[in-house]
Protein backbone atom coordinates (compact mmCIF):
# COMPACT_ATOMS: atom_id res chain seq x y z
CA GLN A 1 -77.43 -58.56 18.52
CA PHE A 2 -73.78 -59.51 17.85
CA GLY A 3 -73.16 -55.99 16.42
CA VAL A 4 -74.47 -54.38 19.56
CA ARG A 5 -72.23 -56.52 21.74
CA LEU A 6 -69.25 -55.82 19.50
CA ALA A 7 -69.91 -52.04 19.55
CA GLY A 8 -70.42 -52.12 23.32
CA SER A 9 -67.02 -53.70 23.84
CA PHE A 10 -65.44 -50.71 22.17
CA VAL A 11 -67.66 -48.00 23.59
CA MET A 12 -67.89 -49.02 27.27
CA PRO A 13 -64.23 -48.52 28.18
CA LYS A 14 -64.48 -44.97 26.83
CA VAL A 15 -67.65 -44.39 28.86
CA ALA A 16 -65.94 -45.72 31.97
CA ARG A 17 -62.99 -43.38 31.53
CA LYS A 18 -65.31 -40.42 31.09
CA MET A 19 -67.31 -41.34 34.22
CA LYS A 20 -64.11 -41.69 36.22
CA ALA A 21 -62.99 -38.27 35.11
CA LYS A 22 -66.39 -36.70 35.68
CA HIS A 23 -66.57 -37.98 39.26
CA ASN A 24 -62.84 -37.51 39.91
CA ILE A 25 -62.29 -41.18 40.74
CA GLN A 26 -58.60 -42.01 41.07
CA ASN A 27 -58.76 -45.45 42.62
CA THR A 28 -61.74 -47.51 41.45
CA GLU A 29 -61.22 -50.30 44.01
CA ALA A 30 -61.20 -47.87 46.94
CA GLU A 31 -64.27 -46.08 45.53
CA PHE A 32 -66.10 -49.41 45.17
CA ASN A 33 -65.21 -50.33 48.82
CA THR A 34 -66.43 -46.90 49.98
CA ALA A 35 -69.74 -47.46 48.18
CA LEU A 36 -70.13 -50.92 49.70
CA SER A 37 -69.38 -49.54 53.19
CA HIS A 38 -71.94 -46.79 52.63
CA TRP A 39 -74.52 -49.44 51.66
CA GLU A 40 -73.78 -51.45 54.82
CA LYS A 41 -73.93 -48.49 57.21
CA GLU A 42 -76.44 -46.08 55.64
CA GLY A 43 -78.47 -48.34 53.41
CA LEU A 44 -79.02 -51.35 55.67
CA GLU A 45 -78.61 -49.57 59.01
CA GLY A 46 -78.54 -52.90 60.86
CA LYS A 47 -81.69 -54.22 59.15
CA PRO A 48 -81.76 -57.43 57.10
CA PHE A 49 -82.96 -55.52 54.06
CA PHE A 50 -83.19 -51.86 53.00
CA GLU A 51 -86.93 -51.74 53.73
CA GLY A 52 -86.76 -53.86 56.85
CA GLU A 53 -87.60 -57.56 57.16
CA THR A 54 -88.36 -58.20 53.47
CA PRO A 55 -86.48 -57.13 50.34
CA GLY A 56 -87.86 -54.32 48.29
CA VAL A 57 -87.09 -52.65 44.95
CA VAL A 58 -83.95 -51.00 46.27
CA ASP A 59 -82.60 -54.35 47.46
CA ALA A 60 -83.37 -55.88 44.11
CA MET A 61 -81.56 -53.14 42.22
CA VAL A 62 -78.43 -53.22 44.36
CA TYR A 63 -78.48 -57.06 44.30
CA GLY A 64 -78.71 -56.99 40.50
CA VAL A 65 -75.62 -54.78 40.22
CA LEU A 66 -73.63 -56.86 42.71
CA ARG A 67 -74.75 -60.15 41.13
CA SER A 68 -72.93 -59.06 37.98
CA CYS A 69 -69.73 -58.98 40.09
CA ALA A 70 -70.29 -62.31 41.87
CA LYS A 71 -68.23 -64.40 39.44
CA MET A 72 -65.34 -62.02 39.30
CA PRO A 73 -62.10 -62.91 41.16
CA PHE A 74 -62.34 -60.05 43.66
CA TRP A 75 -65.81 -61.02 44.93
CA GLN A 76 -64.60 -63.42 47.65
CA ALA A 77 -62.28 -60.70 49.06
CA ILE A 78 -65.14 -58.19 48.98
CA GLN A 79 -67.37 -60.54 51.01
CA LEU A 80 -64.61 -61.06 53.60
CA GLN A 81 -64.07 -57.24 53.91
CA HIS A 82 -67.82 -56.58 54.19
CA PRO A 83 -69.50 -59.33 56.29
CA VAL A 84 -72.78 -57.38 56.66
CA LEU A 85 -72.95 -57.03 52.87
CA ALA A 86 -72.05 -60.73 52.48
CA GLN A 87 -74.97 -61.78 54.73
CA TRP A 88 -77.34 -59.39 52.94
CA TYR A 89 -76.17 -60.71 49.54
CA THR A 90 -76.69 -64.33 50.67
CA ASN A 91 -80.20 -63.49 51.89
CA CYS A 92 -81.06 -61.75 48.60
CA ASP A 93 -79.49 -64.59 46.60
CA THR A 94 -81.68 -67.10 48.43
CA LEU A 95 -84.80 -65.10 47.66
CA MET A 96 -84.01 -63.64 44.24
CA GLY A 97 -81.16 -65.69 42.81
CA ALA A 98 -83.15 -68.42 41.16
CA SER A 99 -84.75 -65.99 38.70
CA THR A 100 -83.14 -65.93 35.26
CA VAL A 101 -84.90 -63.00 33.73
């Protein structure tokens, strides 16, 4: 398992650079904010969760990705910039956050 983690630490930056080039991403922070705005406007569309009143699989997948960012320094700023997302994340965290799968 240690070997996999060690190899991943060398391989993942190369994968990230290739993905940025493939999708022509110049500014990762701006692209991340654009994706979050899209989730707020198009994904949630004023609903508490993607599927309506209760979270579904899509909510769980997006929450899982964002949960990996929650302890990073920029997370507080993201939540201030995206209040709808912040409320959605808090709701998901209340319902799904206790799981340690």
